[in-house]
Amino acid sequence: MTEVTDADFSAQVIDSELPVLVEFTADWCPPCRQMGPVLTALAAEEGDRLKVVQLNVDANPTTTNHYKVLSMPTFMVFRAGEPVKAMVGARPKRRLLAEIEDAL
């Protein structure tokens, strides 16, 4: 799973040809750490139709503030450079995939 920053967010997410699931995360957030294996598995299984990335909110305040992210973890799906879906809180892989399916 790729880590993105304020510096490369546009290149990695906005300009991506695939839809992108972004996890806004923080090192101090237990539910965020819980989502690590879920997102790694999702990236491996859905890599042909979905890119999965993480953005550390503490290290990347510009992007975090731009998308008004207040709670961790926040998940956003970007398609054609636009956020099309947002969800807050940890969830099982099956539920996460079901929630983003319509955005893919």
Protein backbone atom coordinates (compact mmCIF):
# COMPACT_ATOMS: atom_id res chain seq x y z
CA MET A 1 0.00 0.00 0.00
CA THR A 2 1.34 3.40 -1.00
CA GLU A 3 1.83 6.30 1.38
CA VAL A 4 1.06 9.68 -0.13
CA THR A 5 2.01 13.18 1.04
CA ASP A 6 0.91 16.74 0.42
CA ALA A 7 3.69 16.92 -2.19
CA ASP A 8 2.58 13.94 -4.29
CA PHE A 9 -1.17 13.76 -3.52
CA SER A 10 -2.10 15.31 -6.85
CA ALA A 11 0.11 12.95 -8.87
CA GLN A 12 -0.83 9.82 -6.90
CA VAL A 13 -4.56 10.46 -6.34
CA ILE A 14 -6.00 13.30 -8.43
CA ASP A 15 -4.24 12.24 -11.65
CA SER A 16 -4.76 8.48 -11.15
CA GLU A 17 -6.46 6.59 -13.95
CA LEU A 18 -7.93 4.14 -11.43
CA PRO A 19 -10.33 5.11 -8.63
CA VAL A 20 -8.34 5.70 -5.44
CA LEU A 21 -9.29 4.82 -1.87
CA VAL A 22 -7.46 7.19 0.49
CA GLU A 23 -7.20 6.42 4.19
CA PHE A 24 -6.54 9.56 6.21
CA THR A 25 -4.67 8.05 9.14
CA ALA A 26 -2.51 8.87 12.16
CA ASP A 27 0.13 6.93 14.09
CA TRP A 28 -1.69 7.57 17.39
CA CYS A 29 -5.02 6.16 16.10
CA PRO A 30 -5.72 2.52 17.17
CA PRO A 31 -8.60 2.02 14.67
CA CYS A 32 -6.26 3.26 11.92
CA ARG A 33 -3.67 0.63 12.84
CA GLN A 34 -6.45 -1.98 12.88
CA MET A 35 -7.28 -1.07 9.26
CA GLY A 36 -3.72 -1.66 8.01
CA PRO A 37 -4.10 -5.38 7.24
CA VAL A 38 -7.60 -4.81 5.81
CA LEU A 39 -6.35 -2.18 3.39
CA THR A 40 -3.29 -4.23 2.42
CA ALA A 41 -5.55 -7.17 1.57
CA LEU A 42 -7.97 -4.92 -0.31
CA ALA A 43 -5.12 -3.42 -2.33
CA ALA A 44 -3.86 -6.90 -3.24
CA GLU A 45 -7.30 -8.24 -4.21
CA GLU A 46 -8.67 -5.18 -6.03
CA GLY A 47 -5.44 -3.74 -7.47
CA ASP A 48 -6.64 -4.04 -11.05
CA ARG A 49 -9.58 -1.71 -10.44
CA LEU A 50 -8.71 0.26 -7.29
CA LYS A 51 -5.62 2.01 -5.94
CA VAL A 52 -5.33 2.10 -2.13
CA VAL A 53 -3.19 4.74 -0.40
CA GLN A 54 -2.66 6.20 3.06
CA LEU A 55 -2.07 9.81 4.05
CA ASN A 56 -0.71 10.64 7.51
CA VAL A 57 -2.78 13.60 8.72
CA ASP A 58 -0.15 14.85 11.17
CA ALA A 59 2.58 15.00 8.52
CA ASN A 60 0.33 16.34 5.73
CA PRO A 61 -1.93 19.10 7.08
CA THR A 62 -2.51 20.84 3.73
CA THR A 63 -4.36 17.92 2.13
CA THR A 64 -6.07 17.01 5.42
CA ASN A 65 -7.44 20.54 5.84
CA HIS A 66 -8.37 20.87 2.16
CA TYR A 67 -10.71 17.87 2.44
CA LYS A 68 -11.91 18.91 5.93
CA VAL A 69 -10.87 15.64 7.56
CA LEU A 70 -11.54 15.79 11.30
CA SER A 71 -11.81 12.15 12.43
CA MET A 72 -9.50 9.19 11.94
CA PRO A 73 -9.68 6.99 10.08
CA THR A 74 -11.51 8.78 7.27
CA PHE A 75 -11.79 7.00 3.95
CA MET A 76 -12.38 8.88 0.70
CA VAL A 77 -12.82 7.44 -2.75
CA PHE A 78 -11.55 9.65 -5.57
CA ARG A 79 -12.60 9.06 -9.17
CA ALA A 80 -11.42 11.26 -12.04
CA GLY A 81 -9.75 13.55 -9.51
CA GLU A 82 -12.89 14.20 -7.46
CA PRO A 83 -13.92 12.81 -4.06
CA VAL A 84 -17.07 10.76 -4.70
CA LYS A 85 -17.54 9.03 -1.34
CA ALA A 86 -16.40 9.54 2.26
CA MET A 87 -16.70 7.30 5.30
CA VAL A 88 -15.46 7.63 8.87
CA GLY A 89 -14.39 4.82 11.19
CA ALA A 90 -12.87 1.36 11.01
CA ARG A 91 -14.85 -1.41 9.33
CA PRO A 92 -14.36 -5.00 8.15
CA LYS A 93 -13.04 -5.52 4.62
CA ARG A 94 -16.32 -6.95 3.32
CA ARG A 95 -18.29 -3.93 4.54
CA LEU A 96 -15.70 -1.46 3.23
CA LEU A 97 -15.75 -3.09 -0.20
CA ALA A 98 -19.55 -3.09 -0.26
CA GLU A 99 -19.63 0.61 0.66
CA ILE A 100 -17.20 1.64 -2.07
CA GLU A 101 -18.46 -0.73 -4.77
CA ASP A 102 -20.77 1.86 -6.37
CA ALA A 103 -17.87 4.32 -6.61
CA LEU A 104 -15.63 1.92 -8.57
